[in-house]
Amino acid sequence: MRNVRYMLLNVLLTGTFLLLATMSQAQCRSFAKNKCVPELAPFKFNETFNAAQLAAGEEAEVNLTFYSGQQYRVLVCAHPILGEVNWKLVDTNNKIIFESLAPEPKPHFDLKASSTTQMKVIVWVPEKEKTDMVHVGCVAIMVGFKE
C-alpha cells in the first residue's frame, strides 16, 4: 500500500510540474505576441517563436539562419520584471556582430544578409542584488523580415 501511495504522489507531482511549465510557456507566448511582435514593425514577423523563462544570472541562446539578400530585424524583448537584458548576435566563429548591454540597451538590430549564414543570439539577464525573491520573466527572441 505504501508503494502505491508513493507512486501516486510521484505521478501527481510530475503532472503538476508539467502543467505549470505548459502554463508558463503559454503566458510567455501571449506576452511575445502582444508586446514584442508590434515592435518588429515595419518588418514582418517570421512566425518562429523563440523564448525562455529566465531569472537573474541565467542565459539562453538560439541559432538562426539568415538567407542571402533578405533584410532582417532581430529583436530581444524581455518582461519588465527582469529589467534590461544583455544580448549579442555572433557568427559561427563567435565573432560579435552586434551587442546590447543593459546600461545602454538596444532592443533590435537590423541587417541584410549578403549570403545565407547561420548566427546565434545569446541573451543573459544581469545579476542583481541578492534578495529572497527570485524574479523570473519571459525573454523572447523575435525575427522579422522585409517583403
C-alpha atoms as a PDB file:
ATOM      1  CA  MET A   1       0.000   0.000   0.000  1.00  0.00           C
ATOM      2  CA  ARG A   2       2.871   2.358   0.799  1.00  0.00           C
ATOM      3  CA  ASN A   3       4.402   1.870  -2.671  1.00  0.00           C
ATOM      4  CA  VAL A   4       1.089   2.718  -4.317  1.00  0.00           C
ATOM      5  CA  ARG A   5       0.845   5.975  -2.362  1.00  0.00           C
ATOM      6  CA  TYR A   6       4.442   6.838  -3.212  1.00  0.00           C
ATOM      7  CA  MET A   7       3.850   6.158  -6.931  1.00  0.00           C
ATOM      8  CA  LEU A   8       0.605   8.164  -6.880  1.00  0.00           C
ATOM      9  CA  LEU A   9       2.379  11.103  -5.211  1.00  0.00           C
ATOM     10  CA  ASN A  10       5.150  10.995  -7.845  1.00  0.00           C
ATOM     11  CA  VAL A  11       2.602  10.951 -10.683  1.00  0.00           C
ATOM     12  CA  LEU A  12       0.715  13.897  -9.165  1.00  0.00           C
ATOM     13  CA  LEU A  13       3.888  15.939  -8.645  1.00  0.00           C
ATOM     14  CA  THR A  14       5.111  15.226 -12.172  1.00  0.00           C
ATOM     15  CA  GLY A  15       1.733  16.196 -13.614  1.00  0.00           C
ATOM     16  CA  THR A  16       1.703  19.416 -11.600  1.00  0.00           C
ATOM     17  CA  PHE A  17       5.172  20.404 -12.844  1.00  0.00           C
ATOM     18  CA  LEU A  18       4.226  19.667 -16.458  1.00  0.00           C
ATOM     19  CA  LEU A  19       1.036  21.712 -16.125  1.00  0.00           C
ATOM     20  CA  LEU A  20       2.926  24.658 -14.626  1.00  0.00           C
ATOM     21  CA  ALA A  21       5.544  24.517 -17.391  1.00  0.00           C
ATOM     22  CA  THR A  22       2.818  24.476 -20.069  1.00  0.00           C
ATOM     23  CA  MET A  23       1.006  27.419 -18.465  1.00  0.00           C
ATOM     24  CA  SER A  24       4.267  29.352 -18.177  1.00  0.00           C
ATOM     25  CA  GLN A  25       5.069  28.776 -21.865  1.00  0.00           C
ATOM     26  CA  ALA A  26       1.548  29.895 -22.855  1.00  0.00           C
ATOM     27  CA  GLN A  27       1.928  33.098 -20.822  1.00  0.00           C
ATOM     28  CA  CYS A  28       5.304  33.732 -22.450  1.00  0.00           C
ATOM     29  CA  ARG A  29       3.827  33.191 -25.922  1.00  0.00           C
ATOM     30  CA  SER A  30       0.991  35.622 -25.124  1.00  0.00           C
ATOM     31  CA  PHE A  31       3.476  38.231 -23.843  1.00  0.00           C
ATOM     32  CA  ALA A  32       5.581  37.902 -27.001  1.00  0.00           C
ATOM     33  CA  LYS A  33       2.580  38.113 -29.308  1.00  0.00           C
ATOM     34  CA  ASN A  34       1.077  41.177 -27.614  1.00  0.00           C
ATOM     35  CA  LYS A  35       4.189  43.170 -26.668  1.00  0.00           C
ATOM     36  CA  CYS A  36       7.047  42.044 -28.887  1.00  0.00           C
ATOM     37  CA  VAL A  37       5.577  41.400 -32.338  1.00  0.00           C
ATOM     38  CA  PRO A  38       4.386  45.035 -32.733  1.00  0.00           C
ATOM     39  CA  GLU A  39       7.966  46.201 -32.028  1.00  0.00           C
ATOM     40  CA  LEU A  40       9.156  44.406 -35.185  1.00  0.00           C
ATOM     41  CA  ALA A  41       7.342  46.920 -37.437  1.00  0.00           C
ATOM     42  CA  PRO A  42       7.870  47.668 -40.281  1.00  0.00           C
ATOM     43  CA  PHE A  43       9.344  44.150 -40.528  1.00  0.00           C
ATOM     44  CA  LYS A  44       7.019  41.139 -40.766  1.00  0.00           C
ATOM     45  CA  PHE A  45       7.215  38.509 -38.016  1.00  0.00           C
ATOM     46  CA  ASN A  46       8.561  35.230 -39.416  1.00  0.00           C
ATOM     47  CA  GLU A  47       6.241  33.229 -37.113  1.00  0.00           C
ATOM     48  CA  THR A  48       9.153  31.455 -35.395  1.00  0.00           C
ATOM     49  CA  PHE A  49       8.706  31.693 -31.634  1.00  0.00           C
ATOM     50  CA  ASN A  50      11.887  31.538 -29.545  1.00  0.00           C
ATOM     51  CA  ALA A  51      11.514  32.332 -25.856  1.00  0.00           C
ATOM     52  CA  ALA A  52      12.666  31.267 -22.429  1.00  0.00           C
ATOM     53  CA  GLN A  53      11.765  31.942 -18.824  1.00  0.00           C
ATOM     54  CA  LEU A  54      14.912  33.426 -17.266  1.00  0.00           C
ATOM     55  CA  ALA A  55      15.981  34.771 -13.877  1.00  0.00           C
ATOM     56  CA  ALA A  56      18.931  36.979 -12.930  1.00  0.00           C
ATOM     57  CA  GLY A  57      22.218  35.284 -13.796  1.00  0.00           C
ATOM     58  CA  GLU A  58      20.700  32.931 -16.379  1.00  0.00           C
ATOM     59  CA  GLU A  59      21.258  32.855 -20.122  1.00  0.00           C
ATOM     60  CA  ALA A  60      19.754  31.324 -23.240  1.00  0.00           C
ATOM     61  CA  GLU A  61      20.812  31.052 -26.845  1.00  0.00           C
ATOM     62  CA  VAL A  62      19.151  30.305 -30.148  1.00  0.00           C
ATOM     63  CA  ASN A  63      20.586  29.525 -33.591  1.00  0.00           C
ATOM     64  CA  LEU A  64      19.127  31.436 -36.517  1.00  0.00           C
ATOM     65  CA  THR A  65      19.526  31.217 -40.285  1.00  0.00           C
ATOM     66  CA  PHE A  66      19.600  34.369 -42.394  1.00  0.00           C
ATOM     67  CA  TYR A  67      19.084  33.977 -46.157  1.00  0.00           C
ATOM     68  CA  SER A  68      21.020  35.798 -48.855  1.00  0.00           C
ATOM     69  CA  GLY A  69      19.641  39.158 -49.990  1.00  0.00           C
ATOM     70  CA  GLN A  70      16.972  39.343 -47.286  1.00  0.00           C
ATOM     71  CA  GLN A  71      16.640  42.226 -44.796  1.00  0.00           C
ATOM     72  CA  TYR A  72      16.054  41.218 -41.166  1.00  0.00           C
ATOM     73  CA  ARG A  73      15.328  42.693 -37.761  1.00  0.00           C
ATOM     74  CA  VAL A  74      16.416  40.712 -34.692  1.00  0.00           C
ATOM     75  CA  LEU A  75      14.528  41.810 -31.592  1.00  0.00           C
ATOM     76  CA  VAL A  76      15.071  40.766 -27.990  1.00  0.00           C
ATOM     77  CA  CYS A  77      12.076  41.577 -25.841  1.00  0.00           C
ATOM     78  CA  ALA A  78      12.088  40.962 -22.074  1.00  0.00           C
ATOM     79  CA  HIS A  79       9.324  41.111 -19.487  1.00  0.00           C
ATOM     80  CA  PRO A  80       9.641  44.323 -17.408  1.00  0.00           C
ATOM     81  CA  ILE A  81      10.143  42.351 -14.174  1.00  0.00           C
ATOM     82  CA  LEU A  82      13.623  41.424 -15.458  1.00  0.00           C
ATOM     83  CA  GLY A  83      14.662  44.964 -16.334  1.00  0.00           C
ATOM     84  CA  GLU A  84      17.036  45.376 -19.266  1.00  0.00           C
ATOM     85  CA  VAL A  85      18.747  42.238 -20.518  1.00  0.00           C
ATOM     86  CA  ASN A  86      22.056  41.826 -22.324  1.00  0.00           C
ATOM     87  CA  TRP A  87      22.258  40.170 -25.701  1.00  0.00           C
ATOM     88  CA  LYS A  88      24.558  39.665 -28.626  1.00  0.00           C
ATOM     89  CA  LEU A  89      24.463  38.287 -32.147  1.00  0.00           C
ATOM     90  CA  VAL A  90      27.515  36.225 -33.075  1.00  0.00           C
ATOM     91  CA  ASP A  91      28.609  34.439 -36.249  1.00  0.00           C
ATOM     92  CA  THR A  92      29.731  30.808 -36.492  1.00  0.00           C
ATOM     93  CA  ASN A  93      33.228  31.812 -35.302  1.00  0.00           C
ATOM     94  CA  ASN A  94      31.734  33.552 -32.227  1.00  0.00           C
ATOM     95  CA  LYS A  95      32.702  36.949 -33.660  1.00  0.00           C
ATOM     96  CA  ILE A  96      30.338  39.562 -32.214  1.00  0.00           C
ATOM     97  CA  ILE A  97      28.209  41.095 -34.967  1.00  0.00           C
ATOM     98  CA  PHE A  98      26.077  43.159 -32.567  1.00  0.00           C
ATOM     99  CA  GLU A  99      25.896  43.598 -28.797  1.00  0.00           C
ATOM    100  CA  SER A 100      23.428  45.315 -26.483  1.00  0.00           C
ATOM    101  CA  LEU A 101      24.314  45.778 -22.830  1.00  0.00           C
ATOM    102  CA  ALA A 102      21.851  46.781 -20.101  1.00  0.00           C
ATOM    103  CA  PRO A 103      23.321  50.235 -19.318  1.00  0.00           C
ATOM    104  CA  GLU A 104      22.690  51.317 -22.947  1.00  0.00           C
ATOM    105  CA  PRO A 105      20.068  48.870 -24.240  1.00  0.00           C
ATOM    106  CA  LYS A 106      19.264  48.464 -27.903  1.00  0.00           C
ATOM    107  CA  PRO A 107      16.195  46.255 -28.347  1.00  0.00           C
ATOM    108  CA  HIS A 108      16.788  45.405 -32.007  1.00  0.00           C
ATOM    109  CA  PHE A 109      19.386  45.093 -34.739  1.00  0.00           C
ATOM    110  CA  ASP A 110      18.718  45.335 -38.479  1.00  0.00           C
ATOM    111  CA  LEU A 111      20.842  43.507 -41.009  1.00  0.00           C
ATOM    112  CA  LYS A 112      20.915  42.467 -44.645  1.00  0.00           C
ATOM    113  CA  ALA A 113      22.412  39.055 -45.305  1.00  0.00           C
ATOM    114  CA  SER A 114      24.918  39.152 -48.162  1.00  0.00           C
ATOM    115  CA  SER A 115      24.969  35.357 -48.189  1.00  0.00           C
ATOM    116  CA  THR A 116      22.996  32.657 -46.418  1.00  0.00           C
ATOM    117  CA  THR A 117      24.524  32.315 -42.984  1.00  0.00           C
ATOM    118  CA  GLN A 118      23.986  30.886 -39.523  1.00  0.00           C
ATOM    119  CA  MET A 119      24.221  33.120 -36.470  1.00  0.00           C
ATOM    120  CA  LYS A 120      23.474  32.740 -32.801  1.00  0.00           C
ATOM    121  CA  VAL A 121      21.678  35.080 -30.401  1.00  0.00           C
ATOM    122  CA  ILE A 122      22.848  34.837 -26.801  1.00  0.00           C
ATOM    123  CA  VAL A 123      20.730  36.512 -24.124  1.00  0.00           C
ATOM    124  CA  TRP A 124      21.612  36.837 -20.446  1.00  0.00           C
ATOM    125  CA  VAL A 125      19.935  38.540 -17.507  1.00  0.00           C
ATOM    126  CA  PRO A 126      22.370  40.603 -15.413  1.00  0.00           C
ATOM    127  CA  GLU A 127      22.898  39.648 -11.785  1.00  0.00           C
ATOM    128  CA  LYS A 128      21.057  41.850  -9.304  1.00  0.00           C
ATOM    129  CA  GLU A 129      21.306  42.430  -5.587  1.00  0.00           C
ATOM    130  CA  LYS A 130      20.656  39.228  -3.692  1.00  0.00           C
ATOM    131  CA  THR A 131      17.135  39.092  -2.277  1.00  0.00           C
ATOM    132  CA  ASP A 132      14.819  36.380  -1.072  1.00  0.00           C
ATOM    133  CA  MET A 133      12.634  36.873  -4.167  1.00  0.00           C
ATOM    134  CA  VAL A 134      13.668  35.317  -7.459  1.00  0.00           C
ATOM    135  CA  HIS A 135      12.074  37.144 -10.371  1.00  0.00           C
ATOM    136  CA  VAL A 136      11.540  35.005 -13.455  1.00  0.00           C
ATOM    137  CA  GLY A 137      10.326  36.528 -16.683  1.00  0.00           C
ATOM    138  CA  CYS A 138       9.874  35.798 -20.335  1.00  0.00           C
ATOM    139  CA  VAL A 139      12.592  36.745 -22.810  1.00  0.00           C
ATOM    140  CA  ALA A 140      11.576  36.454 -26.476  1.00  0.00           C
ATOM    141  CA  ILE A 141      13.946  36.427 -29.433  1.00  0.00           C
ATOM    142  CA  MET A 142      11.974  37.503 -32.489  1.00  0.00           C
ATOM    143  CA  VAL A 143      12.970  37.773 -36.141  1.00  0.00           C
ATOM    144  CA  GLY A 144      11.249  39.904 -38.728  1.00  0.00           C
ATOM    145  CA  PHE A 145      11.898  40.313 -42.445  1.00  0.00           C
ATOM    146  CA  LYS A 146      11.010  42.804 -45.142  1.00  0.00           C
ATOM    147  CA  GLU A 147       8.906  41.593 -48.044  1.00  0.00           C
END
